[in-house]
PDB file of all heavy atoms in Angstrom:
ATOM      1  N   LEU A   1      -5.838  11.949  30.207  1.00  0.00           N
ATOM      2  CA  LEU A   1      -4.984  10.878  30.664  1.00  0.00           C
ATOM      3  C   LEU A   1      -5.426   9.508  30.300  1.00  0.00           C
ATOM      4  O   LEU A   1      -4.681   8.640  29.910  1.00  0.00           O
ATOM      5  CB  LEU A   1      -4.793  11.058  32.210  1.00  0.00           C
ATOM      6  CG  LEU A   1      -3.761  10.140  32.851  1.00  0.00           C
ATOM      7  CD1 LEU A   1      -2.432  10.332  32.242  1.00  0.00           C
ATOM      8  CD2 LEU A   1      -3.717  10.355  34.290  1.00  0.00           C
ATOM      9  N   ALA A   2      -6.710   9.268  30.489  1.00  0.00           N
ATOM     10  CA  ALA A   2      -7.281   7.974  30.206  1.00  0.00           C
ATOM     11  C   ALA A   2      -7.084   7.664  28.656  1.00  0.00           C
ATOM     12  O   ALA A   2      -6.759   6.520  28.304  1.00  0.00           O
ATOM     13  CB  ALA A   2      -8.775   7.933  30.556  1.00  0.00           C
ATOM     14  N   PHE A   3      -7.344   8.662  27.831  1.00  0.00           N
ATOM     15  CA  PHE A   3      -7.240   8.454  26.356  1.00  0.00           C
ATOM     16  C   PHE A   3      -5.778   8.119  26.013  1.00  0.00           C
ATOM     17  O   PHE A   3      -5.528   7.108  25.312  1.00  0.00           O
ATOM     18  CB  PHE A   3      -7.621   9.732  25.661  1.00  0.00           C
ATOM     19  CG  PHE A   3      -7.461   9.687  24.194  1.00  0.00           C
ATOM     20  CD1 PHE A   3      -8.258   8.956  23.302  1.00  0.00           C
ATOM     21  CD2 PHE A   3      -6.394  10.366  23.579  1.00  0.00           C
ATOM     22  CE1 PHE A   3      -8.072   8.863  21.970  1.00  0.00           C
ATOM     23  CE2 PHE A   3      -6.196  10.334  22.224  1.00  0.00           C
ATOM     24  CZ  PHE A   3      -7.073   9.621  21.385  1.00  0.00           C
ATOM     25  N   PHE A   4      -4.792   8.925  26.436  1.00  0.00           N
ATOM     26  CA  PHE A   4      -3.411   8.652  26.080  1.00  0.00           C
ATOM     27  C   PHE A   4      -2.849   7.462  26.725  1.00  0.00           C
ATOM     28  O   PHE A   4      -1.910   6.863  26.216  1.00  0.00           O
ATOM     29  CB  PHE A   4      -2.635   9.967  26.275  1.00  0.00           C
ATOM     30  CG  PHE A   4      -2.768  10.985  25.237  1.00  0.00           C
ATOM     31  CD1 PHE A   4      -3.540  12.079  25.451  1.00  0.00           C
ATOM     32  CD2 PHE A   4      -2.178  10.818  23.922  1.00  0.00           C
ATOM     33  CE1 PHE A   4      -3.816  13.057  24.493  1.00  0.00           C
ATOM     34  CE2 PHE A   4      -2.396  11.802  22.959  1.00  0.00           C
ATOM     35  CZ  PHE A   4      -3.205  12.887  23.218  1.00  0.00           C
ATOM     36  N   THR A   5      -3.362   7.109  27.930  1.00  0.00           N
ATOM     37  CA  THR A   5      -3.006   5.849  28.487  1.00  0.00           C
ATOM     38  C   THR A   5      -3.385   4.689  27.603  1.00  0.00           C
ATOM     39  O   THR A   5      -2.605   3.738  27.444  1.00  0.00           O
ATOM     40  CB  THR A   5      -3.583   5.721  29.906  1.00  0.00           C
ATOM     41  OG1 THR A   5      -3.070   6.745  30.763  1.00  0.00           O
ATOM     42  CG2 THR A   5      -3.160   4.413  30.543  1.00  0.00           C
ATOM     43  N   LYS A   6      -4.548   4.683  27.133  1.00  0.00           N
ATOM     44  CA  LYS A   6      -5.087   3.656  26.256  1.00  0.00           C
ATOM     45  C   LYS A   6      -4.231   3.585  24.975  1.00  0.00           C
ATOM     46  O   LYS A   6      -3.867   2.533  24.493  1.00  0.00           O
ATOM     47  CB  LYS A   6      -6.530   3.894  25.888  1.00  0.00           C
ATOM     48  CG  LYS A   6      -7.214   2.754  25.125  1.00  0.00           C
ATOM     49  CD  LYS A   6      -8.655   2.908  25.024  1.00  0.00           C
ATOM     50  CE  LYS A   6      -9.267   1.649  24.332  1.00  0.00           C
ATOM     51  NZ  LYS A   6     -10.785   1.812  24.331  1.00  0.00           N
ATOM     52  N   ILE A   7      -3.965   4.795  24.364  1.00  0.00           N
ATOM     53  CA  ILE A   7      -3.108   4.841  23.157  1.00  0.00           C
ATOM     54  C   ILE A   7      -1.735   4.187  23.445  1.00  0.00           C
ATOM     55  O   ILE A   7      -1.217   3.398  22.686  1.00  0.00           O
ATOM     56  CB  ILE A   7      -2.934   6.241  22.652  1.00  0.00           C
ATOM     57  CG1 ILE A   7      -4.348   6.740  22.151  1.00  0.00           C
ATOM     58  CG2 ILE A   7      -1.968   6.310  21.491  1.00  0.00           C
ATOM     59  CD1 ILE A   7      -4.895   6.026  20.929  1.00  0.00           C
ATOM     60  N   ARG A   8      -1.149   4.621  24.602  1.00  0.00           N
ATOM     61  CA  ARG A   8       0.198   4.121  24.900  1.00  0.00           C
ATOM     62  C   ARG A   8       0.126   2.605  25.049  1.00  0.00           C
ATOM     63  O   ARG A   8       0.997   1.881  24.541  1.00  0.00           O
ATOM     64  CB  ARG A   8       0.655   4.719  26.215  1.00  0.00           C
ATOM     65  CG  ARG A   8       2.061   4.219  26.617  1.00  0.00           C
ATOM     66  CD  ARG A   8       2.358   4.506  28.038  1.00  0.00           C
ATOM     67  NE  ARG A   8       1.332   3.820  28.956  1.00  0.00           N
ATOM     68  CZ  ARG A   8       1.289   4.094  30.260  1.00  0.00           C
ATOM     69  NH1 ARG A   8       2.157   4.946  30.826  1.00  0.00           N
ATOM     70  NH2 ARG A   8       0.386   3.485  30.984  1.00  0.00           N
ATOM     71  N   ASN A   9      -0.899   2.123  25.671  1.00  0.00           N
ATOM     72  CA  ASN A   9      -1.024   0.640  25.902  1.00  0.00           C
ATOM     73  C   ASN A   9      -1.139  -0.109  24.580  1.00  0.00           C
ATOM     74  O   ASN A   9      -0.621  -1.155  24.395  1.00  0.00           O
ATOM     75  CB  ASN A   9      -2.188   0.305  26.820  1.00  0.00           C
ATOM     76  CG  ASN A   9      -1.958   0.768  28.275  1.00  0.00           C
ATOM     77  OD1 ASN A   9      -0.785   1.036  28.643  1.00  0.00           O
ATOM     78  ND2 ASN A   9      -2.981   0.893  29.019  1.00  0.00           N
ATOM     79  N   LEU A  10      -1.935   0.491  23.656  1.00  0.00           N
ATOM     80  CA  LEU A  10      -2.035  -0.106  22.358  1.00  0.00           C
ATOM     81  C   LEU A  10      -0.729  -0.199  21.629  1.00  0.00           C
ATOM     82  O   LEU A  10      -0.427  -1.151  20.913  1.00  0.00           O
ATOM     83  CB  LEU A  10      -3.128   0.671  21.496  1.00  0.00           C
ATOM     84  CG  LEU A  10      -4.562   0.506  21.863  1.00  0.00           C
ATOM     85  CD1 LEU A  10      -5.440   1.521  21.141  1.00  0.00           C
ATOM     86  CD2 LEU A  10      -5.074  -0.866  21.688  1.00  0.00           C
ATOM     87  N   PHE A  11       0.030   0.873  21.711  1.00  0.00           N
ATOM     88  CA  PHE A  11       1.344   0.889  21.053  1.00  0.00           C
ATOM     89  C   PHE A  11       2.372   0.086  21.846  1.00  0.00           C
ATOM     90  O   PHE A  11       3.302  -0.498  21.196  1.00  0.00           O
ATOM     91  CB  PHE A  11       1.858   2.368  20.915  1.00  0.00           C
ATOM     92  CG  PHE A  11       1.374   3.051  19.703  1.00  0.00           C
ATOM     93  CD1 PHE A  11       0.055   3.586  19.534  1.00  0.00           C
ATOM     94  CD2 PHE A  11       2.129   3.123  18.555  1.00  0.00           C
ATOM     95  CE1 PHE A  11      -0.431   4.249  18.532  1.00  0.00           C
ATOM     96  CE2 PHE A  11       1.693   3.791  17.372  1.00  0.00           C
ATOM     97  CZ  PHE A  11       0.396   4.308  17.351  1.00  0.00           C
ATOM     98  N   GLU A  12       2.224  -0.052  23.064  1.00  0.00           N
ATOM     99  CA  GLU A  12       3.140  -0.748  23.976  1.00  0.00           C
ATOM    100  C   GLU A  12       3.247  -2.241  23.480  1.00  0.00           C
ATOM    101  O   GLU A  12       4.326  -2.807  23.672  1.00  0.00           O
ATOM    102  CB  GLU A  12       2.728  -0.704  25.393  1.00  0.00           C
ATOM    103  CG  GLU A  12       3.815  -1.175  26.411  1.00  0.00           C
ATOM    104  CD  GLU A  12       4.977  -0.193  26.552  1.00  0.00           C
ATOM    105  OE1 GLU A  12       4.693   1.013  26.514  1.00  0.00           O
ATOM    106  OE2 GLU A  12       6.117  -0.639  26.574  1.00  0.00           O
ATOM    107  N   GLU A  13       2.161  -2.773  23.024  1.00  0.00           N
ATOM    108  CA  GLU A  13       2.139  -4.204  22.582  1.00  0.00           C
ATOM    109  C   GLU A  13       3.120  -4.372  21.448  1.00  0.00           C
ATOM    110  O   GLU A  13       3.652  -5.567  21.266  1.00  0.00           O
ATOM    111  CB  GLU A  13       0.755  -4.566  22.068  1.00  0.00           C
ATOM    112  CG  GLU A  13      -0.387  -4.480  23.069  1.00  0.00           C
ATOM    113  CD  GLU A  13      -1.764  -4.718  22.567  1.00  0.00           C
ATOM    114  OE1 GLU A  13      -1.843  -5.234  21.395  1.00  0.00           O
ATOM    115  OE2 GLU A  13      -2.696  -4.303  23.167  1.00  0.00           O
ATOM    116  N   HIS A  14       3.413  -3.379  20.773  1.00  0.00           N
ATOM    117  CA  HIS A  14       4.351  -3.460  19.610  1.00  0.00           C
ATOM    118  C   HIS A  14       5.419  -2.414  19.636  1.00  0.00           C
ATOM    119  O   HIS A  14       5.860  -1.798  18.633  1.00  0.00           O
ATOM    120  CB  HIS A  14       3.612  -3.360  18.315  1.00  0.00           C
ATOM    121  CG  HIS A  14       2.426  -4.329  18.193  1.00  0.00           C
ATOM    122  ND1 HIS A  14       2.559  -5.678  18.005  1.00  0.00           N
ATOM    123  CD2 HIS A  14       1.072  -4.083  18.251  1.00  0.00           C
ATOM    124  CE1 HIS A  14       1.407  -6.193  17.947  1.00  0.00           C
ATOM    125  NE2 HIS A  14       0.509  -5.342  18.063  1.00  0.00           N
ATOM    126  N   LYS A  15       5.933  -2.101  20.899  1.00  0.00           N
ATOM    127  CA  LYS A  15       6.854  -0.978  20.988  1.00  0.00           C
ATOM    128  C   LYS A  15       8.168  -1.111  20.210  1.00  0.00           C
ATOM    129  O   LYS A  15       8.530  -0.252  19.555  1.00  0.00           O
ATOM    130  CB  LYS A  15       7.200  -0.845  22.491  1.00  0.00           C
ATOM    131  CG  LYS A  15       8.129   0.387  22.795  1.00  0.00           C
ATOM    132  CD  LYS A  15       8.264   0.613  24.265  1.00  0.00           C
ATOM    133  CE  LYS A  15       9.104   1.901  24.509  1.00  0.00           C
ATOM    134  NZ  LYS A  15       9.251   2.126  25.973  1.00  0.00           N
ATOM    135  N   ASP A  16       8.770  -2.331  20.311  1.00  0.00           N
ATOM    136  CA  ASP A  16      10.025  -2.539  19.546  1.00  0.00           C
ATOM    137  C   ASP A  16       9.810  -2.356  18.058  1.00  0.00           C
ATOM    138  O   ASP A  16      10.634  -1.774  17.353  1.00  0.00           O
ATOM    139  CB  ASP A  16      10.536  -3.933  19.852  1.00  0.00           C
ATOM    140  CG  ASP A  16      11.055  -4.063  21.285  1.00  0.00           C
ATOM    141  OD1 ASP A  16      11.235  -2.993  21.916  1.00  0.00           O
ATOM    142  OD2 ASP A  16      11.222  -5.145  21.782  1.00  0.00           O
ATOM    143  N   LEU A  17       8.669  -2.855  17.561  1.00  0.00           N
ATOM    144  CA  LEU A  17       8.346  -2.789  16.195  1.00  0.00           C
ATOM    145  C   LEU A  17       8.151  -1.271  15.758  1.00  0.00           C
ATOM    146  O   LEU A  17       8.720  -0.873  14.736  1.00  0.00           O
ATOM    147  CB  LEU A  17       7.131  -3.532  15.829  1.00  0.00           C
ATOM    148  CG  LEU A  17       6.538  -3.444  14.407  1.00  0.00           C
ATOM    149  CD1 LEU A  17       7.568  -3.996  13.417  1.00  0.00           C
ATOM    150  CD2 LEU A  17       5.246  -4.218  14.266  1.00  0.00           C
ATOM    151  N   CYS A  18       7.387  -0.554  16.565  1.00  0.00           N
ATOM    152  CA  CYS A  18       7.180   0.896  16.265  1.00  0.00           C
ATOM    153  C   CYS A  18       8.476   1.664  16.198  1.00  0.00           C
ATOM    154  O   CYS A  18       8.745   2.503  15.354  1.00  0.00           O
ATOM    155  CB  CYS A  18       6.283   1.491  17.334  1.00  0.00           C
ATOM    156  SG  CYS A  18       4.575   0.947  17.222  1.00  0.00           S
ATOM    157  N   GLN A  19       9.400   1.385  17.262  1.00  0.00           N
ATOM    158  CA  GLN A  19      10.644   2.049  17.327  1.00  0.00           C
ATOM    159  C   GLN A  19      11.506   1.708  16.055  1.00  0.00           C
ATOM    160  O   GLN A  19      12.173   2.548  15.482  1.00  0.00           O
ATOM    161  CB  GLN A  19      11.390   1.690  18.601  1.00  0.00           C
ATOM    162  CG  GLN A  19      10.673   2.256  19.811  1.00  0.00           C
ATOM    163  CD  GLN A  19      11.408   1.811  21.077  1.00  0.00           C
ATOM    164  OE1 GLN A  19      11.943   0.681  21.175  1.00  0.00           O
ATOM    165  NE2 GLN A  19      11.392   2.697  22.080  1.00  0.00           N
ATOM    166  N   LYS A  20      11.459   0.458  15.684  1.00  0.00           N
ATOM    167  CA  LYS A  20      12.264   0.037  14.541  1.00  0.00           C
ATOM    168  C   LYS A  20      11.762   0.670  13.195  1.00  0.00           C
ATOM    169  O   LYS A  20      12.520   1.150  12.357  1.00  0.00           O
ATOM    170  CB  LYS A  20      12.212  -1.468  14.365  1.00  0.00           C
ATOM    171  CG  LYS A  20      13.172  -2.078  13.340  1.00  0.00           C
ATOM    172  CD  LYS A  20      13.275  -3.549  13.469  1.00  0.00           C
ATOM    173  CE  LYS A  20      14.055  -3.965  14.715  1.00  0.00           C
ATOM    174  NZ  LYS A  20      14.350  -5.401  14.749  1.00  0.00           N
ATOM    175  N   LEU A  21      10.435   0.735  13.039  1.00  0.00           N
ATOM    176  CA  LEU A  21       9.855   1.363  11.871  1.00  0.00           C
ATOM    177  C   LEU A  21      10.167   2.838  11.831  1.00  0.00           C
ATOM    178  O   LEU A  21      10.367   3.434  10.758  1.00  0.00           O
ATOM    179  CB  LEU A  21       8.371   1.101  11.790  1.00  0.00           C
ATOM    180  CG  LEU A  21       7.936  -0.372  11.469  1.00  0.00           C
ATOM    181  CD1 LEU A  21       6.469  -0.507  11.611  1.00  0.00           C
ATOM    182  CD2 LEU A  21       8.433  -0.791  10.104  1.00  0.00           C
ATOM    183  N   MET A  22      10.131   3.497  13.037  1.00  0.00           N
ATOM    184  CA  MET A  22      10.300   4.951  13.054  1.00  0.00           C
ATOM    185  C   MET A  22      11.779   5.310  12.752  1.00  0.00           C
ATOM    186  O   MET A  22      12.122   6.328  12.261  1.00  0.00           O
ATOM    187  CB  MET A  22       9.926   5.466  14.447  1.00  0.00           C
ATOM    188  CG  MET A  22       8.490   5.562  14.738  1.00  0.00           C
ATOM    189  SD  MET A  22       7.752   6.940  13.717  1.00  0.00           S
ATOM    190  CE  MET A  22       8.445   8.376  14.530  1.00  0.00           C
ATOM    191  N   SER A  23      12.724   4.331  13.072  1.00  0.00           N
ATOM    192  CA  SER A  23      14.118   4.666  12.878  1.00  0.00           C
ATOM    193  C   SER A  23      14.624   4.338  11.481  1.00  0.00           C
ATOM    194  O   SER A  23      15.735   4.706  11.065  1.00  0.00           O
ATOM    195  CB  SER A  23      14.982   3.877  13.865  1.00  0.00           C
ATOM    196  OG  SER A  23      14.825   2.477  13.679  1.00  0.00           O
ATOM    197  N   ASP A  24      13.825   3.599  10.693  1.00  0.00           N
ATOM    198  CA  ASP A  24      14.204   3.214   9.302  1.00  0.00           C
ATOM    199  C   ASP A  24      13.619   4.266   8.343  1.00  0.00           C
ATOM    200  O   ASP A  24      12.427   4.447   8.369  1.00  0.00           O
ATOM    201  CB  ASP A  24      13.782   1.835   9.039  1.00  0.00           C
ATOM    202  CG  ASP A  24      14.228   1.342   7.674  1.00  0.00           C
ATOM    203  OD1 ASP A  24      13.771   1.910   6.622  1.00  0.00           O
ATOM    204  OD2 ASP A  24      15.023   0.334   7.660  1.00  0.00           O
ATOM    205  N   GLN A  25      14.456   4.892   7.559  1.00  0.00           N
ATOM    206  CA  GLN A  25      13.991   5.947   6.718  1.00  0.00           C
ATOM    207  C   GLN A  25      12.865   5.515   5.706  1.00  0.00           C
ATOM    208  O   GLN A  25      11.894   6.211   5.510  1.00  0.00           O
ATOM    209  CB  GLN A  25      15.111   6.583   5.936  1.00  0.00           C
ATOM    210  CG  GLN A  25      14.763   7.830   5.110  1.00  0.00           C
ATOM    211  CD  GLN A  25      15.962   8.458   4.425  1.00  0.00           C
ATOM    212  OE1 GLN A  25      17.075   8.019   4.663  1.00  0.00           O
ATOM    213  NE2 GLN A  25      15.693   9.561   3.746  1.00  0.00           N
ATOM    214  N   ASN A  26      13.087   4.329   5.165  1.00  0.00           N
ATOM    215  CA  ASN A  26      12.147   3.847   4.116  1.00  0.00           C
ATOM    216  C   ASN A  26      10.731   3.518   4.712  1.00  0.00           C
ATOM    217  O   ASN A  26       9.722   3.852   4.281  1.00  0.00           O
ATOM    218  CB  ASN A  26      12.683   2.621   3.434  1.00  0.00           C
ATOM    219  CG  ASN A  26      13.839   2.962   2.561  1.00  0.00           C
ATOM    220  OD1 ASN A  26      13.980   3.993   1.996  1.00  0.00           O
ATOM    221  ND2 ASN A  26      14.732   2.003   2.359  1.00  0.00           N
ATOM    222  N   SER A  27      10.803   2.793   5.886  1.00  0.00           N
ATOM    223  CA  SER A  27       9.543   2.432   6.565  1.00  0.00           C
ATOM    224  C   SER A  27       8.872   3.675   7.153  1.00  0.00           C
ATOM    225  O   SER A  27       7.655   3.798   7.291  1.00  0.00           O
ATOM    226  CB  SER A  27       9.783   1.333   7.597  1.00  0.00           C
ATOM    227  OG  SER A  27      10.687   1.830   8.600  1.00  0.00           O
ATOM    228  N   ARG A  28       9.708   4.621   7.628  1.00  0.00           N
ATOM    229  CA  ARG A  28       9.132   5.794   8.237  1.00  0.00           C
ATOM    230  C   ARG A  28       8.293   6.612   7.176  1.00  0.00           C
ATOM    231  O   ARG A  28       7.230   7.158   7.569  1.00  0.00           O
ATOM    232  CB  ARG A  28      10.245   6.719   8.784  1.00  0.00           C
ATOM    233  CG  ARG A  28       9.664   7.915   9.576  1.00  0.00           C
ATOM    234  CD  ARG A  28      10.762   8.583  10.397  1.00  0.00           C
ATOM    235  NE  ARG A  28      10.206   9.635  11.194  1.00  0.00           N
ATOM    236  CZ  ARG A  28      10.679  10.029  12.379  1.00  0.00           C
ATOM    237  NH1 ARG A  28      11.721   9.421  12.848  1.00  0.00           N
ATOM    238  NH2 ARG A  28      10.097  11.053  13.022  1.00  0.00           N
ATOM    239  N   TYR A  29       8.760   6.589   5.972  1.00  0.00           N
ATOM    240  CA  TYR A  29       8.017   7.311   4.912  1.00  0.00           C
ATOM    241  C   TYR A  29       6.621   6.645   4.716  1.00  0.00           C
ATOM    242  O   TYR A  29       5.620   7.313   4.624  1.00  0.00           O
ATOM    243  CB  TYR A  29       8.871   7.267   3.576  1.00  0.00           C
ATOM    244  CG  TYR A  29       7.984   7.681   2.352  1.00  0.00           C
ATOM    245  CD1 TYR A  29       7.666   9.046   2.245  1.00  0.00           C
ATOM    246  CD2 TYR A  29       7.572   6.740   1.418  1.00  0.00           C
ATOM    247  CE1 TYR A  29       6.955   9.387   1.084  1.00  0.00           C
ATOM    248  CE2 TYR A  29       6.884   7.177   0.312  1.00  0.00           C
ATOM    249  CZ  TYR A  29       6.543   8.461   0.157  1.00  0.00           C
ATOM    250  OH  TYR A  29       5.849   8.861  -0.926  1.00  0.00           O
ATOM    251  N   VAL A  30       6.603   5.276   4.643  1.00  0.00           N
ATOM    252  CA  VAL A  30       5.335   4.567   4.499  1.00  0.00           C
ATOM    253  C   VAL A  30       4.456   4.757   5.658  1.00  0.00           C
ATOM    254  O   VAL A  30       3.226   4.907   5.592  1.00  0.00           O
ATOM    255  CB  VAL A  30       5.596   3.107   4.204  1.00  0.00           C
ATOM    256  CG1 VAL A  30       4.311   2.318   4.010  1.00  0.00           C
ATOM    257  CG2 VAL A  30       6.433   2.862   2.909  1.00  0.00           C
ATOM    258  N   MET A  31       5.066   4.762   6.842  1.00  0.00           N
ATOM    259  CA  MET A  31       4.370   4.954   8.122  1.00  0.00           C
ATOM    260  C   MET A  31       3.721   6.262   8.123  1.00  0.00           C
ATOM    261  O   MET A  31       2.543   6.443   8.575  1.00  0.00           O
ATOM    262  CB  MET A  31       5.369   4.847   9.302  1.00  0.00           C
ATOM    263  CG  MET A  31       4.688   4.575  10.647  1.00  0.00           C
ATOM    264  SD  MET A  31       5.998   4.285  11.902  1.00  0.00           S
ATOM    265  CE  MET A  31       4.951   3.724  13.268  1.00  0.00           C
ATOM    266  N   GLN A  32       4.351   7.336   7.683  1.00  0.00           N
ATOM    267  CA  GLN A  32       3.805   8.609   7.594  1.00  0.00           C
ATOM    268  C   GLN A  32       2.613   8.699   6.655  1.00  0.00           C
ATOM    269  O   GLN A  32       1.570   9.329   6.959  1.00  0.00           O
ATOM    270  CB  GLN A  32       4.830   9.666   7.152  1.00  0.00           C
ATOM    271  CG  GLN A  32       4.389  11.102   7.133  1.00  0.00           C
ATOM    272  CD  GLN A  32       3.977  11.664   8.451  1.00  0.00           C
ATOM    273  OE1 GLN A  32       4.680  11.377   9.465  1.00  0.00           O
ATOM    274  NE2 GLN A  32       2.884  12.372   8.579  1.00  0.00           N
ATOM    275  N   ARG A  33       2.713   7.980   5.552  1.00  0.00           N
ATOM    276  CA  ARG A  33       1.577   8.006   4.616  1.00  0.00           C
ATOM    277  C   ARG A  33       0.404   7.270   5.212  1.00  0.00           C
ATOM    278  O   ARG A  33      -0.747   7.644   5.033  1.00  0.00           O
ATOM    279  CB  ARG A  33       2.001   7.221   3.288  1.00  0.00           C
ATOM    280  CG  ARG A  33       2.913   8.081   2.398  1.00  0.00           C
ATOM    281  CD  ARG A  33       3.380   7.259   1.165  1.00  0.00           C
ATOM    282  NE  ARG A  33       2.243   6.582   0.565  1.00  0.00           N
ATOM    283  CZ  ARG A  33       2.233   5.244   0.152  1.00  0.00           C
ATOM    284  NH1 ARG A  33       3.341   4.557   0.326  1.00  0.00           N
ATOM    285  NH2 ARG A  33       1.232   4.724  -0.438  1.00  0.00           N
ATOM    286  N   ALA A  34       0.666   6.197   5.956  1.00  0.00           N
ATOM    287  CA  ALA A  34      -0.405   5.451   6.590  1.00  0.00           C
ATOM    288  C   ALA A  34      -1.119   6.240   7.658  1.00  0.00           C
ATOM    289  O   ALA A  34      -2.359   6.286   7.809  1.00  0.00           O
ATOM    290  CB  ALA A  34       0.137   4.133   7.172  1.00  0.00           C
ATOM    291  N   MET A  35      -0.329   7.129   8.362  1.00  0.00           N
ATOM    292  CA  MET A  35      -0.867   7.983   9.334  1.00  0.00           C
ATOM    293  C   MET A  35      -1.796   9.019   8.780  1.00  0.00           C
ATOM    294  O   MET A  35      -2.907   9.334   9.216  1.00  0.00           O
ATOM    295  CB  MET A  35       0.204   8.697  10.123  1.00  0.00           C
ATOM    296  CG  MET A  35       1.035   7.852  11.072  1.00  0.00           C
ATOM    297  SD  MET A  35       2.321   8.922  11.841  1.00  0.00           S
ATOM    298  CE  MET A  35       3.368   7.677  12.428  1.00  0.00           C
ATOM    299  N   GLU A  36      -1.387   9.508   7.598  1.00  0.00           N
ATOM    300  CA  GLU A  36      -2.194  10.563   6.875  1.00  0.00           C
ATOM    301  C   GLU A  36      -3.494   9.917   6.360  1.00  0.00           C
ATOM    302  O   GLU A  36      -4.490  10.569   6.410  1.00  0.00           O
ATOM    303  CB  GLU A  36      -1.377  11.150   5.722  1.00  0.00           C
ATOM    304  CG  GLU A  36      -0.193  11.978   6.175  1.00  0.00           C
ATOM    305  CD  GLU A  36       0.638  12.434   5.046  1.00  0.00           C
ATOM    306  OE1 GLU A  36       0.390  12.107   3.836  1.00  0.00           O
ATOM    307  OE2 GLU A  36       1.710  13.126   5.298  1.00  0.00           O
ATOM    308  N   GLU A  37      -3.442   8.683   5.912  1.00  0.00           N
ATOM    309  CA  GLU A  37      -4.634   7.983   5.510  1.00  0.00           C
ATOM    310  C   GLU A  37      -5.585   7.794   6.639  1.00  0.00           C
ATOM    311  O   GLU A  37      -6.780   7.968   6.549  1.00  0.00           O
ATOM    312  CB  GLU A  37      -4.244   6.619   4.910  1.00  0.00           C
ATOM    313  CG  GLU A  37      -5.427   5.710   4.547  1.00  0.00           C
ATOM    314  CD  GLU A  37      -6.226   6.244   3.324  1.00  0.00           C
ATOM    315  OE1 GLU A  37      -5.697   7.120   2.592  1.00  0.00           O
ATOM    316  OE2 GLU A  37      -7.296   5.645   3.047  1.00  0.00           O
TER     317      GLU A  37
END
């Protein structure tokens, strides 16, 4: 719980941005590559 609360808080700072990148097909592809890296 402590770990995922911290992760959520880190992403919460840029929630709108994360949601926008996840919903755009082109940026989602790059986002996936960055995750793999």
